[in-house]
C-alpha atoms as a PDB file:
ATOM      1  CA  UNK A   1      22.186  27.193-120.635  1.00  0.00           C
ATOM      2  CA  UNK A   2      24.836  29.554-121.803  1.00  0.00           C
ATOM      3  CA  UNK A   3      27.199  30.703-119.072  1.00  0.00           C
ATOM      4  CA  UNK A   4      29.674  33.618-119.664  1.00  0.00           C
ATOM      5  CA  UNK A   5      32.808  33.560-117.607  1.00  0.00           C
ATOM      6  CA  UNK A   6      33.280  37.385-117.004  1.00  0.00           C
ATOM      7  CA  UNK A   7      36.680  37.505-115.924  1.00  0.00           C
ATOM      8  CA  UNK A   8      37.021  41.481-115.848  1.00  0.00           C
ATOM      9  CA  UNK A   9      34.074  41.324-113.175  1.00  0.00           C
ATOM     10  CA  UNK A  10      35.415  37.886-111.948  1.00  0.00           C
ATOM     11  CA  UNK A  11      31.726  36.330-112.098  1.00  0.00           C
ATOM     12  CA  UNK A  12      29.841  33.937-113.960  1.00  0.00           C
ATOM     13  CA  UNK A  13      26.570  35.013-115.722  1.00  0.00           C
ATOM     14  CA  UNK A  14      23.658  33.735-117.691  1.00  0.00           C
ATOM     15  CA  UNK A  15      20.388  35.412-118.849  1.00  0.00           C
ATOM     16  CA  UNK A  16      17.107  34.786-117.124  1.00  0.00           C
ATOM     17  CA  UNK A  17      13.844  36.146-118.434  1.00  0.00           C
ATOM     18  CA  UNK A  18      14.027  38.603-115.379  1.00  0.00           C
ATOM     19  CA  UNK A  19      17.519  39.859-116.259  1.00  0.00           C
ATOM     20  CA  UNK A  20      20.763  38.482-115.264  1.00  0.00           C
ATOM     21  CA  UNK A  21      21.941  35.772-112.676  1.00  0.00           C
ATOM     22  CA  UNK A  22      25.663  35.784-111.581  1.00  0.00           C
ATOM     23  CA  UNK A  23      27.838  33.972-109.328  1.00  0.00           C
ATOM     24  CA  UNK A  24      31.060  35.830-108.136  1.00  0.00           C
ATOM     25  CA  UNK A  25      34.211  34.187-107.548  1.00  0.00           C
ATOM     26  CA  UNK A  26      37.698  34.795-106.747  1.00  0.00           C
ATOM     27  CA  UNK A  27      41.075  32.637-107.563  1.00  0.00           C
ATOM     28  CA  UNK A  28      43.850  31.473-105.480  1.00  0.00           C
ATOM     29  CA  UNK A  29      46.168  28.852-106.550  1.00  0.00           C
ATOM     30  CA  UNK A  30      44.185  25.984-108.068  1.00  0.00           C
ATOM     31  CA  UNK A  31      41.002  26.936-106.162  1.00  0.00           C
ATOM     32  CA  UNK A  32      37.895  28.788-106.963  1.00  0.00           C
ATOM     33  CA  UNK A  33      36.276  30.805-104.349  1.00  0.00           C
ATOM     34  CA  UNK A  34      32.289  31.030-104.938  1.00  0.00           C
ATOM     35  CA  UNK A  35      31.609  34.138-103.146  1.00  0.00           C
ATOM     36  CA  UNK A  36      28.037  35.934-104.062  1.00  0.00           C
ATOM     37  CA  UNK A  37      24.963  34.997-105.689  1.00  0.00           C
ATOM     38  CA  UNK A  38      23.270  37.864-107.202  1.00  0.00           C
ATOM     39  CA  UNK A  39      19.603  37.311-108.468  1.00  0.00           C
ATOM     40  CA  UNK A  40      17.108  39.816-110.030  1.00  0.00           C
ATOM     41  CA  UNK A  41      14.106  40.963-107.564  1.00  0.00           C
ATOM     42  CA  UNK A  42      11.536  38.683-107.030  1.00  0.00           C
ATOM     43  CA  UNK A  43      13.519  35.463-108.216  1.00  0.00           C
ATOM     44  CA  UNK A  44      12.497  32.346-106.802  1.00  0.00           C
ATOM     45  CA  UNK A  45      13.045  29.641-109.232  1.00  0.00           C
ATOM     46  CA  UNK A  46      15.552  27.190-107.521  1.00  0.00           C
ATOM     47  CA  UNK A  47      15.664  24.828-110.302  1.00  0.00           C
ATOM     48  CA  UNK A  48      17.345  27.383-112.507  1.00  0.00           C
ATOM     49  CA  UNK A  49      20.033  28.227-109.669  1.00  0.00           C
ATOM     50  CA  UNK A  50      20.522  24.482-109.226  1.00  0.00           C
ATOM     51  CA  UNK A  51      21.016  24.018-112.922  1.00  0.00           C
ATOM     52  CA  UNK A  52      23.505  27.122-113.212  1.00  0.00           C
ATOM     53  CA  UNK A  53      25.594  25.878-110.419  1.00  0.00           C
ATOM     54  CA  UNK A  54      25.781  22.508-111.921  1.00  0.00           C
ATOM     55  CA  UNK A  55      27.235  24.267-115.222  1.00  0.00           C
ATOM     56  CA  UNK A  56      29.625  26.028-113.217  1.00  0.00           C
ATOM     57  CA  UNK A  57      30.886  22.674-111.535  1.00  0.00           C
ATOM     58  CA  UNK A  58      31.274  21.358-115.054  1.00  0.00           C
ATOM     59  CA  UNK A  59      33.300  24.452-115.742  1.00  0.00           C
ATOM     60  CA  UNK A  60      35.337  23.822-112.840  1.00  0.00           C
ATOM     61  CA  UNK A  61      35.907  20.169-113.249  1.00  0.00           C
ATOM     62  CA  UNK A  62      36.899  20.982-117.244  1.00  0.00           C
ATOM     63  CA  UNK A  63      39.657  23.586-115.678  1.00  0.00           C
ATOM     64  CA  UNK A  64      40.498  21.186-113.153  1.00  0.00           C
ATOM     65  CA  UNK A  65      39.871  23.617-110.323  1.00  0.00           C
ATOM     66  CA  UNK A  66      38.864  22.940-106.496  1.00  0.00           C
ATOM     67  CA  UNK A  67      35.840  24.725-105.425  1.00  0.00           C
ATOM     68  CA  UNK A  68      35.415  26.243-102.161  1.00  0.00           C
ATOM     69  CA  UNK A  69      31.872  27.256-101.350  1.00  0.00           C
ATOM     70  CA  UNK A  70      31.625  30.548 -99.146  1.00  0.00           C
ATOM     71  CA  UNK A  71      28.132  31.170 -99.722  1.00  0.00           C
ATOM     72  CA  UNK A  72      25.408  29.315 -97.425  1.00  0.00           C
ATOM     73  CA  UNK A  73      23.165  28.816-100.697  1.00  0.00           C
ATOM     74  CA  UNK A  74      26.032  27.011-102.527  1.00  0.00           C
ATOM     75  CA  UNK A  75      27.012  24.928 -99.505  1.00  0.00           C
ATOM     76  CA  UNK A  76      23.809  23.816 -99.374  1.00  0.00           C
ATOM     77  CA  UNK A  77      23.932  22.840-103.274  1.00  0.00           C
ATOM     78  CA  UNK A  78      26.697  20.754-102.311  1.00  0.00           C
ATOM     79  CA  UNK A  79      24.866  18.968 -99.433  1.00  0.00           C
ATOM     80  CA  UNK A  80      21.992  18.052-101.813  1.00  0.00           C
ATOM     81  CA  UNK A  81      24.353  17.064-104.627  1.00  0.00           C
ATOM     82  CA  UNK A  82      27.251  14.764-103.271  1.00  0.00           C
ATOM     83  CA  UNK A  83      28.200  13.916-106.323  1.00  0.00           C
ATOM     84  CA  UNK A  84      30.087  17.125-106.398  1.00  0.00           C
ATOM     85  CA  UNK A  85      31.899  16.633-103.138  1.00  0.00           C
ATOM     86  CA  UNK A  86      35.028  15.636-105.149  1.00  0.00           C
ATOM     87  CA  UNK A  87      35.504  19.254-106.229  1.00  0.00           C
ATOM     88  CA  UNK A  88      36.262  20.333-102.544  1.00  0.00           C
ATOM     89  CA  UNK A  89      39.805  20.704-101.514  1.00  0.00           C
ATOM     90  CA  UNK A  90      41.098  18.403 -98.862  1.00  0.00           C
ATOM     91  CA  UNK A  91      40.416  19.118 -95.311  1.00  0.00           C
ATOM     92  CA  UNK A  92      36.880  20.909 -96.325  1.00  0.00           C
ATOM     93  CA  UNK A  93      33.964  19.033 -94.923  1.00  0.00           C
ATOM     94  CA  UNK A  94      30.291  20.367 -95.251  1.00  0.00           C
END
């Protein structure tokens, strides 16, 4: 899966057969806030979204960023994948 970090639009993008899937973000200090998930209409591939989020977590780990999930779908991703809880900033519990 190829992920493009569109810094102008402040979103991670990847192509899917029905269009583009994006996760919008914002930065504050050494934290990245994942604020919005945009998917094409009639999109229901949860495995694809999970893989997309895993790749975003790898980018955050590489850049030494803490991840603050704002969107409930991303919060549930952290709950299903406890290996990524180390990316949460201190004081945030899910």
